[in-house]
Amino acid sequence: MNIKLFCSVFTLISLVGLSVSDDVPGNYPMSLYGNKYSCGVLGENEYCRKICKSHGVNYGYCFNSRCWCEYLEDKDVDFWAAHKNHCKNDKLYPPKK
């Protein structure tokens, strides 16, 4: 009886843990040439942070030897799309009227 109760409670807690996971959405940014940015130092590093800032997000790190940007939306994955979405220069990208 105690074993069944323990297994039931354990399963219930595991399922609750799965539904409240800490996965942060993000994407691998793409360079001018349509490639993912390679990085050599896994984890947090300045290179990936700079890449992610150029794509319009504040934080990124090296994951699987590629820069990963947290909260990078699909519309900003491509370098030129991100540049157009976040550039403040009205001469390059005049505001739509």
PDB file of N, CA and C in Angstrom:
ATOM      1  N   MET A   1       0.818  -1.192   0.000  1.00  0.00           N
ATOM      2  CA  MET A   1       0.000   0.000   0.000  1.00  0.00           C
ATOM      3  C   MET A   1       0.865   1.261   0.000  1.00  0.00           C
ATOM      4  N   ASN A   2       1.898   1.274   0.849  1.00  0.00           N
ATOM      5  CA  ASN A   2       2.776   2.433   0.927  1.00  0.00           C
ATOM      6  C   ASN A   2       3.526   2.655  -0.380  1.00  0.00           C
ATOM      7  N   ILE A   3       3.911   1.575  -1.038  1.00  0.00           N
ATOM      8  CA  ILE A   3       4.630   1.672  -2.311  1.00  0.00           C
ATOM      9  C   ILE A   3       3.731   2.301  -3.372  1.00  0.00           C
ATOM     10  N   LYS A   4       2.485   1.875  -3.446  1.00  0.00           N
ATOM     11  CA  LYS A   4       1.553   2.426  -4.439  1.00  0.00           C
ATOM     12  C   LYS A   4       1.315   3.908  -4.188  1.00  0.00           C
ATOM     13  N   LEU A   5       1.168   4.281  -2.936  1.00  0.00           N
ATOM     14  CA  LEU A   5       0.961   5.683  -2.589  1.00  0.00           C
ATOM     15  C   LEU A   5       2.191   6.505  -2.955  1.00  0.00           C
ATOM     16  N   PHE A   6       3.365   5.987  -2.631  1.00  0.00           N
ATOM     17  CA  PHE A   6       4.610   6.671  -2.959  1.00  0.00           C
ATOM     18  C   PHE A   6       4.749   6.856  -4.468  1.00  0.00           C
ATOM     19  N   CYS A   7       4.496   5.811  -5.240  1.00  0.00           N
ATOM     20  CA  CYS A   7       4.594   5.891  -6.705  1.00  0.00           C
ATOM     21  C   CYS A   7       3.587   6.886  -7.272  1.00  0.00           C
ATOM     22  N   SER A   8       2.403   6.907  -6.725  1.00  0.00           N
ATOM     23  CA  SER A   8       1.378   7.846  -7.197  1.00  0.00           C
ATOM     24  C   SER A   8       1.792   9.287  -6.927  1.00  0.00           C
ATOM     25  N   VAL A   9       2.277   9.556  -5.726  1.00  0.00           N
ATOM     26  CA  VAL A   9       2.715  10.911  -5.371  1.00  0.00           C
ATOM     27  C   VAL A   9       3.922  11.310  -6.218  1.00  0.00           C
ATOM     28  N   PHE A  10       4.858  10.398  -6.402  1.00  0.00           N
ATOM     29  CA  PHE A  10       6.049  10.675  -7.206  1.00  0.00           C
ATOM     30  C   PHE A  10       5.671  11.018  -8.646  1.00  0.00           C
ATOM     31  N   THR A  11       4.765  10.245  -9.230  1.00  0.00           N
ATOM     32  CA  THR A  11       4.308  10.495 -10.600  1.00  0.00           C
ATOM     33  C   THR A  11       3.603  11.836 -10.703  1.00  0.00           C
ATOM     34  N   LEU A  12       2.773  12.154  -9.743  1.00  0.00           N
ATOM     35  CA  LEU A  12       2.056  13.425  -9.744  1.00  0.00           C
ATOM     36  C   LEU A  12       3.021  14.604  -9.666  1.00  0.00           C
ATOM     37  N   ILE A  13       3.999  14.520  -8.792  1.00  0.00           N
ATOM     38  CA  ILE A  13       4.988  15.597  -8.658  1.00  0.00           C
ATOM     39  C   ILE A  13       5.813  15.722  -9.933  1.00  0.00           C
ATOM     40  N   SER A  14       6.169  14.621 -10.547  1.00  0.00           N
ATOM     41  CA  SER A  14       6.933  14.656 -11.799  1.00  0.00           C
ATOM     42  C   SER A  14       6.145  15.333 -12.907  1.00  0.00           C
ATOM     43  N   LEU A  15       4.874  15.031 -13.020  1.00  0.00           N
ATOM     44  CA  LEU A  15       4.043  15.650 -14.056  1.00  0.00           C
ATOM     45  C   LEU A  15       3.879  17.141 -13.822  1.00  0.00           C
ATOM     46  N   VAL A  16       3.733  17.548 -12.583  1.00  0.00           N
ATOM     47  CA  VAL A  16       3.639  18.977 -12.270  1.00  0.00           C
ATOM     48  C   VAL A  16       4.949  19.660 -12.626  1.00  0.00           C
ATOM     49  N   GLY A  17       6.061  19.022 -12.348  1.00  0.00           N
ATOM     50  CA  GLY A  17       7.366  19.584 -12.686  1.00  0.00           C
ATOM     51  C   GLY A  17       7.556  19.758 -14.178  1.00  0.00           C
ATOM     52  N   LEU A  18       7.036  18.845 -14.969  1.00  0.00           N
ATOM     53  CA  LEU A  18       7.147  18.959 -16.419  1.00  0.00           C
ATOM     54  C   LEU A  18       6.332  20.120 -16.959  1.00  0.00           C
ATOM     55  N   SER A  19       5.196  20.366 -16.368  1.00  0.00           N
ATOM     56  CA  SER A  19       4.336  21.438 -16.868  1.00  0.00           C
ATOM     57  C   SER A  19       4.846  22.814 -16.472  1.00  0.00           C
ATOM     58  N   VAL A  20       5.730  22.894 -15.480  1.00  0.00           N
ATOM     59  CA  VAL A  20       6.261  24.169 -15.018  1.00  0.00           C
ATOM     60  C   VAL A  20       7.758  24.218 -15.317  1.00  0.00           C
ATOM     61  N   SER A  21       8.148  23.827 -16.502  1.00  0.00           N
ATOM     62  CA  SER A  21       9.566  23.799 -16.839  1.00  0.00           C
ATOM     63  C   SER A  21      10.084  25.211 -17.077  1.00  0.00           C
ATOM     64  N   ASP A  22      11.393  25.371 -16.971  1.00  0.00           N
ATOM     65  CA  ASP A  22      12.021  26.676 -17.107  1.00  0.00           C
ATOM     66  C   ASP A  22      12.616  26.893 -18.491  1.00  0.00           C
ATOM     67  N   ASP A  23      12.103  26.225 -19.503  1.00  0.00           N
ATOM     68  CA  ASP A  23      12.635  26.400 -20.846  1.00  0.00           C
ATOM     69  C   ASP A  23      12.376  27.821 -21.323  1.00  0.00           C
ATOM     70  N   VAL A  24      13.433  28.478 -21.743  1.00  0.00           N
ATOM     71  CA  VAL A  24      13.326  29.843 -22.234  1.00  0.00           C
ATOM     72  C   VAL A  24      13.299  29.786 -23.756  1.00  0.00           C
ATOM     73  N   PRO A  25      12.325  30.424 -24.388  1.00  0.00           N
ATOM     74  CA  PRO A  25      12.279  30.403 -25.852  1.00  0.00           C
ATOM     75  C   PRO A  25      13.432  31.198 -26.440  1.00  0.00           C
ATOM     76  N   GLY A  26      13.812  30.836 -27.627  1.00  0.00           N
ATOM     77  CA  GLY A  26      14.890  31.537 -28.307  1.00  0.00           C
ATOM     78  C   GLY A  26      15.145  30.927 -29.666  1.00  0.00           C
ATOM     79  N   ASN A  27      16.208  31.379 -30.304  1.00  0.00           N
ATOM     80  CA  ASN A  27      16.576  30.906 -31.634  1.00  0.00           C
ATOM     81  C   ASN A  27      18.071  31.048 -31.844  1.00  0.00           C
ATOM     82  N   TYR A  28      18.553  30.365 -32.869  1.00  0.00           N
ATOM     83  CA  TYR A  28      19.913  30.568 -33.337  1.00  0.00           C
ATOM     84  C   TYR A  28      19.862  31.683 -34.381  1.00  0.00           C
ATOM     85  N   PRO A  29      20.577  32.782 -34.179  1.00  0.00           N
ATOM     86  CA  PRO A  29      20.568  33.855 -35.179  1.00  0.00           C
ATOM     87  C   PRO A  29      21.335  33.440 -36.430  1.00  0.00           C
ATOM     88  N   MET A  30      20.966  34.040 -37.561  1.00  0.00           N
ATOM     89  CA  MET A  30      21.611  33.738 -38.838  1.00  0.00           C
ATOM     90  C   MET A  30      22.452  34.933 -39.291  1.00  0.00           C
ATOM     91  N   SER A  31      23.599  34.645 -39.873  1.00  0.00           N
ATOM     92  CA  SER A  31      24.510  35.688 -40.339  1.00  0.00           C
ATOM     93  C   SER A  31      24.044  36.257 -41.676  1.00  0.00           C
ATOM     94  N   LEU A  32      24.845  37.165 -42.215  1.00  0.00           N
ATOM     95  CA  LEU A  32      24.557  37.756 -43.526  1.00  0.00           C
ATOM     96  C   LEU A  32      24.446  36.699 -44.615  1.00  0.00           C
ATOM     97  N   TYR A  33      25.177  35.610 -44.443  1.00  0.00           N
ATOM     98  CA  TYR A  33      25.241  34.566 -45.462  1.00  0.00           C
ATOM     99  C   TYR A  33      24.264  33.423 -45.204  1.00  0.00           C
ATOM    100  N   GLY A  34      23.403  33.568 -44.216  1.00  0.00           N
ATOM    101  CA  GLY A  34      22.406  32.541 -43.923  1.00  0.00           C
ATOM    102  C   GLY A  34      22.918  31.393 -43.073  1.00  0.00           C
ATOM    103  N   ASN A  35      24.075  31.584 -42.429  1.00  0.00           N
ATOM    104  CA  ASN A  35      24.649  30.543 -41.568  1.00  0.00           C
ATOM    105  C   ASN A  35      24.470  30.913 -40.101  1.00  0.00           C
ATOM    106  N   LYS A  36      24.463  29.905 -39.247  1.00  0.00           N
ATOM    107  CA  LYS A  36      24.453  30.162 -37.811  1.00  0.00           C
ATOM    108  C   LYS A  36      25.844  30.619 -37.393  1.00  0.00           C
ATOM    109  N   TYR A  37      25.909  31.475 -36.393  1.00  0.00           N
ATOM    110  CA  TYR A  37      27.191  31.975 -35.900  1.00  0.00           C
ATOM    111  C   TYR A  37      27.879  30.900 -35.071  1.00  0.00           C
ATOM    112  N   SER A  38      29.098  30.534 -35.462  1.00  0.00           N
ATOM    113  CA  SER A  38      29.880  29.549 -34.711  1.00  0.00           C
ATOM    114  C   SER A  38      30.570  30.227 -33.535  1.00  0.00           C
ATOM    115  N   CYS A  39      30.742  29.487 -32.453  1.00  0.00           N
ATOM    116  CA  CYS A  39      31.457  30.006 -31.293  1.00  0.00           C
ATOM    117  C   CYS A  39      32.278  28.876 -30.687  1.00  0.00           C
ATOM    118  N   GLY A  40      33.402  29.222 -30.108  1.00  0.00           N
ATOM    119  CA  GLY A  40      34.294  28.205 -29.576  1.00  0.00           C
ATOM    120  C   GLY A  40      34.199  28.006 -28.080  1.00  0.00           C
ATOM    121  N   VAL A  41      33.875  29.063 -27.352  1.00  0.00           N
ATOM    122  CA  VAL A  41      33.812  28.991 -25.896  1.00  0.00           C
ATOM    123  C   VAL A  41      32.368  28.741 -25.485  1.00  0.00           C
ATOM    124  N   LEU A  42      32.074  27.531 -25.023  1.00  0.00           N
ATOM    125  CA  LEU A  42      30.706  27.194 -24.636  1.00  0.00           C
ATOM    126  C   LEU A  42      30.284  27.976 -23.396  1.00  0.00           C
ATOM    127  N   GLY A  43      28.997  28.261 -23.310  1.00  0.00           N
ATOM    128  CA  GLY A  43      28.467  29.017 -22.178  1.00  0.00           C
ATOM    129  C   GLY A  43      28.449  30.502 -22.488  1.00  0.00           C
ATOM    130  N   GLU A  44      28.413  31.307 -21.446  1.00  0.00           N
ATOM    131  CA  GLU A  44      28.358  32.755 -21.630  1.00  0.00           C
ATOM    132  C   GLU A  44      29.670  33.258 -22.201  1.00  0.00           C
ATOM    133  N   ASN A  45      29.582  34.109 -23.214  1.00  0.00           N
ATOM    134  CA  ASN A  45      30.767  34.776 -23.736  1.00  0.00           C
ATOM    135  C   ASN A  45      30.367  36.073 -24.436  1.00  0.00           C
ATOM    136  N   GLU A  46      31.309  36.970 -24.531  1.00  0.00           N
ATOM    137  CA  GLU A  46      31.044  38.310 -25.062  1.00  0.00           C
ATOM    138  C   GLU A  46      30.662  38.271 -26.542  1.00  0.00           C
ATOM    139  N   TYR A  47      31.266  37.378 -27.309  1.00  0.00           N
ATOM    140  CA  TYR A  47      30.980  37.294 -28.743  1.00  0.00           C
ATOM    141  C   TYR A  47      29.497  37.023 -28.999  1.00  0.00           C
ATOM    142  N   CYS A  48      28.947  36.024 -28.342  1.00  0.00           N
ATOM    143  CA  CYS A  48      27.532  35.690 -28.562  1.00  0.00           C
ATOM    144  C   CYS A  48      26.609  36.786 -28.042  1.00  0.00           C
ATOM    145  N   ARG A  49      27.008  37.451 -26.951  1.00  0.00           N
ATOM    146  CA  ARG A  49      26.190  38.570 -26.458  1.00  0.00           C
ATOM    147  C   ARG A  49      26.128  39.689 -27.487  1.00  0.00           C
ATOM    148  N   LYS A  50      27.258  39.975 -28.142  1.00  0.00           N
ATOM    149  CA  LYS A  50      27.274  41.019 -29.180  1.00  0.00           C
ATOM    150  C   LYS A  50      26.410  40.617 -30.371  1.00  0.00           C
ATOM    151  N   ILE A  51      26.501  39.363 -30.773  1.00  0.00           N
ATOM    152  CA  ILE A  51      25.688  38.866 -31.883  1.00  0.00           C
ATOM    153  C   ILE A  51      24.212  39.007 -31.547  1.00  0.00           C
ATOM    154  N   CYS A  52      23.836  38.606 -30.356  1.00  0.00           N
ATOM    155  CA  CYS A  52      22.422  38.670 -29.960  1.00  0.00           C
ATOM    156  C   CYS A  52      21.940  40.108 -29.867  1.00  0.00           C
ATOM    157  N   LYS A  53      22.788  41.010 -29.393  1.00  0.00           N
ATOM    158  CA  LYS A  53      22.395  42.423 -29.340  1.00  0.00           C
ATOM    159  C   LYS A  53      22.194  42.976 -30.742  1.00  0.00           C
ATOM    160  N   SER A  54      22.996  42.515 -31.706  1.00  0.00           N
ATOM    161  CA  SER A  54      22.817  42.985 -33.086  1.00  0.00           C
ATOM    162  C   SER A  54      21.522  42.453 -33.700  1.00  0.00           C
ATOM    163  N   HIS A  55      20.953  41.414 -33.093  1.00  0.00           N
ATOM    164  CA  HIS A  55      19.676  40.861 -33.555  1.00  0.00           C
ATOM    165  C   HIS A  55      18.504  41.346 -32.709  1.00  0.00           C
ATOM    166  N   GLY A  56      18.772  42.267 -31.784  1.00  0.00           N
ATOM    167  CA  GLY A  56      17.694  42.914 -31.044  1.00  0.00           C
ATOM    168  C   GLY A  56      17.312  42.309 -29.710  1.00  0.00           C
ATOM    169  N   VAL A  57      18.122  41.389 -29.175  1.00  0.00           N
ATOM    170  CA  VAL A  57      17.837  40.840 -27.844  1.00  0.00           C
ATOM    171  C   VAL A  57      19.034  41.096 -26.929  1.00  0.00           C
ATOM    172  N   ASN A  58      18.826  41.003 -25.638  1.00  0.00           N
ATOM    173  CA  ASN A  58      19.860  41.393 -24.682  1.00  0.00           C
ATOM    174  C   ASN A  58      20.781  40.273 -24.229  1.00  0.00           C
ATOM    175  N   TYR A  59      20.385  39.018 -24.387  1.00  0.00           N
ATOM    176  CA  TYR A  59      21.183  37.953 -23.794  1.00  0.00           C
ATOM    177  C   TYR A  59      21.328  36.777 -24.741  1.00  0.00           C
ATOM    178  N   GLY A  60      22.533  36.223 -24.768  1.00  0.00           N
ATOM    179  CA  GLY A  60      22.802  35.032 -25.554  1.00  0.00           C
ATOM    180  C   GLY A  60      24.063  34.350 -25.061  1.00  0.00           C
ATOM    181  N   TYR A  61      24.257  33.115 -25.482  1.00  0.00           N
ATOM    182  CA  TYR A  61      25.413  32.341 -25.055  1.00  0.00           C
ATOM    183  C   TYR A  61      25.702  31.273 -26.098  1.00  0.00           C
ATOM    184  N   CYS A  62      26.833  30.598 -25.941  1.00  0.00           N
ATOM    185  CA  CYS A  62      27.252  29.557 -26.875  1.00  0.00           C
ATOM    186  C   CYS A  62      26.668  28.218 -26.432  1.00  0.00           C
ATOM    187  N   PHE A  63      25.895  27.604 -27.318  1.00  0.00           N
ATOM    188  CA  PHE A  63      25.254  26.316 -27.041  1.00  0.00           C
ATOM    189  C   PHE A  63      25.419  25.451 -28.279  1.00  0.00           C
ATOM    190  N   ASN A  64      25.963  24.253 -28.114  1.00  0.00           N
ATOM    191  CA  ASN A  64      26.234  23.351 -29.248  1.00  0.00           C
ATOM    192  C   ASN A  64      27.133  24.006 -30.286  1.00  0.00           C
ATOM    193  N   SER A  65      28.108  24.773 -29.837  1.00  0.00           N
ATOM    194  CA  SER A  65      29.077  25.476 -30.692  1.00  0.00           C
ATOM    195  C   SER A  65      28.429  26.478 -31.636  1.00  0.00           C
ATOM    196  N   ARG A  66      27.251  26.952 -31.291  1.00  0.00           N
ATOM    197  CA  ARG A  66      26.551  27.991 -32.051  1.00  0.00           C
ATOM    198  C   ARG A  66      25.981  28.993 -31.055  1.00  0.00           C
ATOM    199  N   CYS A  67      25.904  30.248 -31.457  1.00  0.00           N
ATOM    200  CA  CYS A  67      25.323  31.267 -30.580  1.00  0.00           C
ATOM    201  C   CYS A  67      23.815  31.065 -30.482  1.00  0.00           C
ATOM    202  N   TRP A  68      23.294  31.069 -29.273  1.00  0.00           N
ATOM    203  CA  TRP A  68      21.864  30.930 -28.980  1.00  0.00           C
ATOM    204  C   TRP A  68      21.414  32.211 -28.301  1.00  0.00           C
ATOM    205  N   CYS A  69      20.348  32.809 -28.814  1.00  0.00           N
ATOM    206  CA  CYS A  69      19.819  34.050 -28.246  1.00  0.00           C
ATOM    207  C   CYS A  69      18.473  33.779 -27.588  1.00  0.00           C
ATOM    208  N   GLU A  70      18.397  34.071 -26.299  1.00  0.00           N
ATOM    209  CA  GLU A  70      17.136  33.892 -25.586  1.00  0.00           C
ATOM    210  C   GLU A  70      16.146  34.961 -26.020  1.00  0.00           C
ATOM    211  N   TYR A  71      14.913  34.562 -26.178  1.00  0.00           N
ATOM    212  CA  TYR A  71      13.792  35.431 -26.573  1.00  0.00           C
ATOM    213  C   TYR A  71      13.960  36.029 -27.970  1.00  0.00           C
ATOM    214  N   LEU A  72      14.789  35.430 -28.822  1.00  0.00           N
ATOM    215  CA  LEU A  72      14.919  35.888 -30.207  1.00  0.00           C
ATOM    216  C   LEU A  72      13.724  35.378 -30.999  1.00  0.00           C
ATOM    217  N   GLU A  73      12.940  36.304 -31.515  1.00  0.00           N
ATOM    218  CA  GLU A  73      11.735  35.940 -32.262  1.00  0.00           C
ATOM    219  C   GLU A  73      12.091  35.506 -33.678  1.00  0.00           C
ATOM    220  N   ASP A  74      11.197  34.758 -34.301  1.00  0.00           N
ATOM    221  CA  ASP A  74      11.423  34.258 -35.659  1.00  0.00           C
ATOM    222  C   ASP A  74      11.648  35.395 -36.646  1.00  0.00           C
ATOM    223  N   LYS A  75      10.987  36.521 -36.446  1.00  0.00           N
ATOM    224  CA  LYS A  75      11.109  37.641 -37.386  1.00  0.00           C
ATOM    225  C   LYS A  75      12.484  38.300 -37.329  1.00  0.00           C
ATOM    226  N   ASP A  76      13.268  38.056 -36.264  1.00  0.00           N
ATOM    227  CA  ASP A  76      14.579  38.673 -36.111  1.00  0.00           C
ATOM    228  C   ASP A  76      15.742  37.696 -36.275  1.00  0.00           C
ATOM    229  N   VAL A  77      15.485  36.478 -36.709  1.00  0.00           N
ATOM    230  CA  VAL A  77      16.558  35.490 -36.850  1.00  0.00           C
ATOM    231  C   VAL A  77      17.529  35.908 -37.947  1.00  0.00           C
ATOM    232  N   ASP A  78      17.022  36.328 -39.081  1.00  0.00           N
ATOM    233  CA  ASP A  78      17.864  36.769 -40.193  1.00  0.00           C
ATOM    234  C   ASP A  78      18.472  38.131 -39.864  1.00  0.00           C
ATOM    235  N   PHE A  79      19.746  38.325 -40.191  1.00  0.00           N
ATOM    236  CA  PHE A  79      20.446  39.558 -39.839  1.00  0.00           C
ATOM    237  C   PHE A  79      19.766  40.788 -40.420  1.00  0.00           C
ATOM    238  N   TRP A  80      19.448  40.767 -41.711  1.00  0.00           N
ATOM    239  CA  TRP A  80      18.870  41.960 -42.337  1.00  0.00           C
ATOM    240  C   TRP A  80      17.465  42.239 -41.839  1.00  0.00           C
ATOM    241  N   ALA A  81      16.700  41.221 -41.555  1.00  0.00           N
ATOM    242  CA  ALA A  81      15.358  41.434 -41.005  1.00  0.00           C
ATOM    243  C   ALA A  81      15.455  42.069 -39.620  1.00  0.00           C
ATOM    244  N   ALA A  82      16.387  41.595 -38.803  1.00  0.00           N
ATOM    245  CA  ALA A  82      16.575  42.174 -37.467  1.00  0.00           C
ATOM    246  C   ALA A  82      17.038  43.616 -37.580  1.00  0.00           C
ATOM    247  N   HIS A  83      17.944  43.878 -38.510  1.00  0.00           N
ATOM    248  CA  HIS A  83      18.444  45.240 -38.706  1.00  0.00           C
ATOM    249  C   HIS A  83      17.298  46.169 -39.098  1.00  0.00           C
ATOM    250  N   LYS A  84      16.478  45.718 -40.007  1.00  0.00           N
ATOM    251  CA  LYS A  84      15.351  46.538 -40.453  1.00  0.00           C
ATOM    252  C   LYS A  84      14.327  46.746 -39.331  1.00  0.00           C
ATOM    253  N   ASN A  85      14.091  45.722 -38.521  1.00  0.00           N
ATOM    254  CA  ASN A  85      13.109  45.821 -37.438  1.00  0.00           C
ATOM    255  C   ASN A  85      13.567  46.706 -36.287  1.00  0.00           C
ATOM    256  N   HIS A  86      14.888  46.854 -36.099  1.00  0.00           N
ATOM    257  CA  HIS A  86      15.390  47.579 -34.931  1.00  0.00           C
ATOM    258  C   HIS A  86      16.182  48.832 -35.278  1.00  0.00           C
ATOM    259  N   CYS A  87      16.422  49.095 -36.549  1.00  0.00           N
ATOM    260  CA  CYS A  87      17.186  50.272 -36.950  1.00  0.00           C
ATOM    261  C   CYS A  87      16.336  51.530 -36.772  1.00  0.00           C
ATOM    262  N   LYS A  88      16.948  52.578 -36.248  1.00  0.00           N
ATOM    263  CA  LYS A  88      16.231  53.835 -36.002  1.00  0.00           C
ATOM    264  C   LYS A  88      16.510  54.883 -37.085  1.00  0.00           C
ATOM    265  N   ASN A  89      17.238  54.526 -38.138  1.00  0.00           N
ATOM    266  CA  ASN A  89      17.599  55.468 -39.192  1.00  0.00           C
ATOM    267  C   ASN A  89      16.445  55.615 -40.181  1.00  0.00           C
ATOM    268  N   ASP A  90      15.809  56.781 -40.202  1.00  0.00           N
ATOM    269  CA  ASP A  90      14.669  57.019 -41.093  1.00  0.00           C
ATOM    270  C   ASP A  90      15.077  57.125 -42.560  1.00  0.00           C
ATOM    271  N   LYS A  91      16.349  57.420 -42.828  1.00  0.00           N
ATOM    272  CA  LYS A  91      16.790  57.525 -44.224  1.00  0.00           C
ATOM    273  C   LYS A  91      16.944  56.142 -44.857  1.00  0.00           C
ATOM    274  N   LEU A  92      17.365  55.180 -44.071  1.00  0.00           N
ATOM    275  CA  LEU A  92      17.472  53.815 -44.592  1.00  0.00           C
ATOM    276  C   LEU A  92      16.107  53.154 -44.683  1.00  0.00           C
ATOM    277  N   TYR A  93      15.311  53.336 -43.645  1.00  0.00           N
ATOM    278  CA  TYR A  93      13.998  52.701 -43.564  1.00  0.00           C
ATOM    279  C   TYR A  93      12.957  53.760 -43.210  1.00  0.00           C
ATOM    280  N   PRO A  94      12.436  54.467 -44.223  1.00  0.00           N
ATOM    281  CA  PRO A  94      11.445  55.510 -43.926  1.00  0.00           C
ATOM    282  C   PRO A  94      10.206  54.917 -43.267  1.00  0.00           C
ATOM    283  N   PRO A  95       9.620  55.662 -42.324  1.00  0.00           N
ATOM    284  CA  PRO A  95       8.420  55.143 -41.655  1.00  0.00           C
ATOM    285  C   PRO A  95       7.261  55.007 -42.630  1.00  0.00           C
ATOM    286  N   LYS A  96       6.475  53.964 -42.425  1.00  0.00           N
ATOM    287  CA  LYS A  96       5.310  53.751 -43.288  1.00  0.00           C
ATOM    288  C   LYS A  96       4.208  54.704 -42.866  1.00  0.00           C
ATOM    289  N   LYS A  97       3.550  55.282 -43.852  1.00  0.00           N
ATOM    290  CA  LYS A  97       2.472  56.242 -43.559  1.00  0.00           C
ATOM    291  C   LYS A  97       1.131  55.658 -43.852  1.00  0.00           C
TER     292      LYS A  97
END
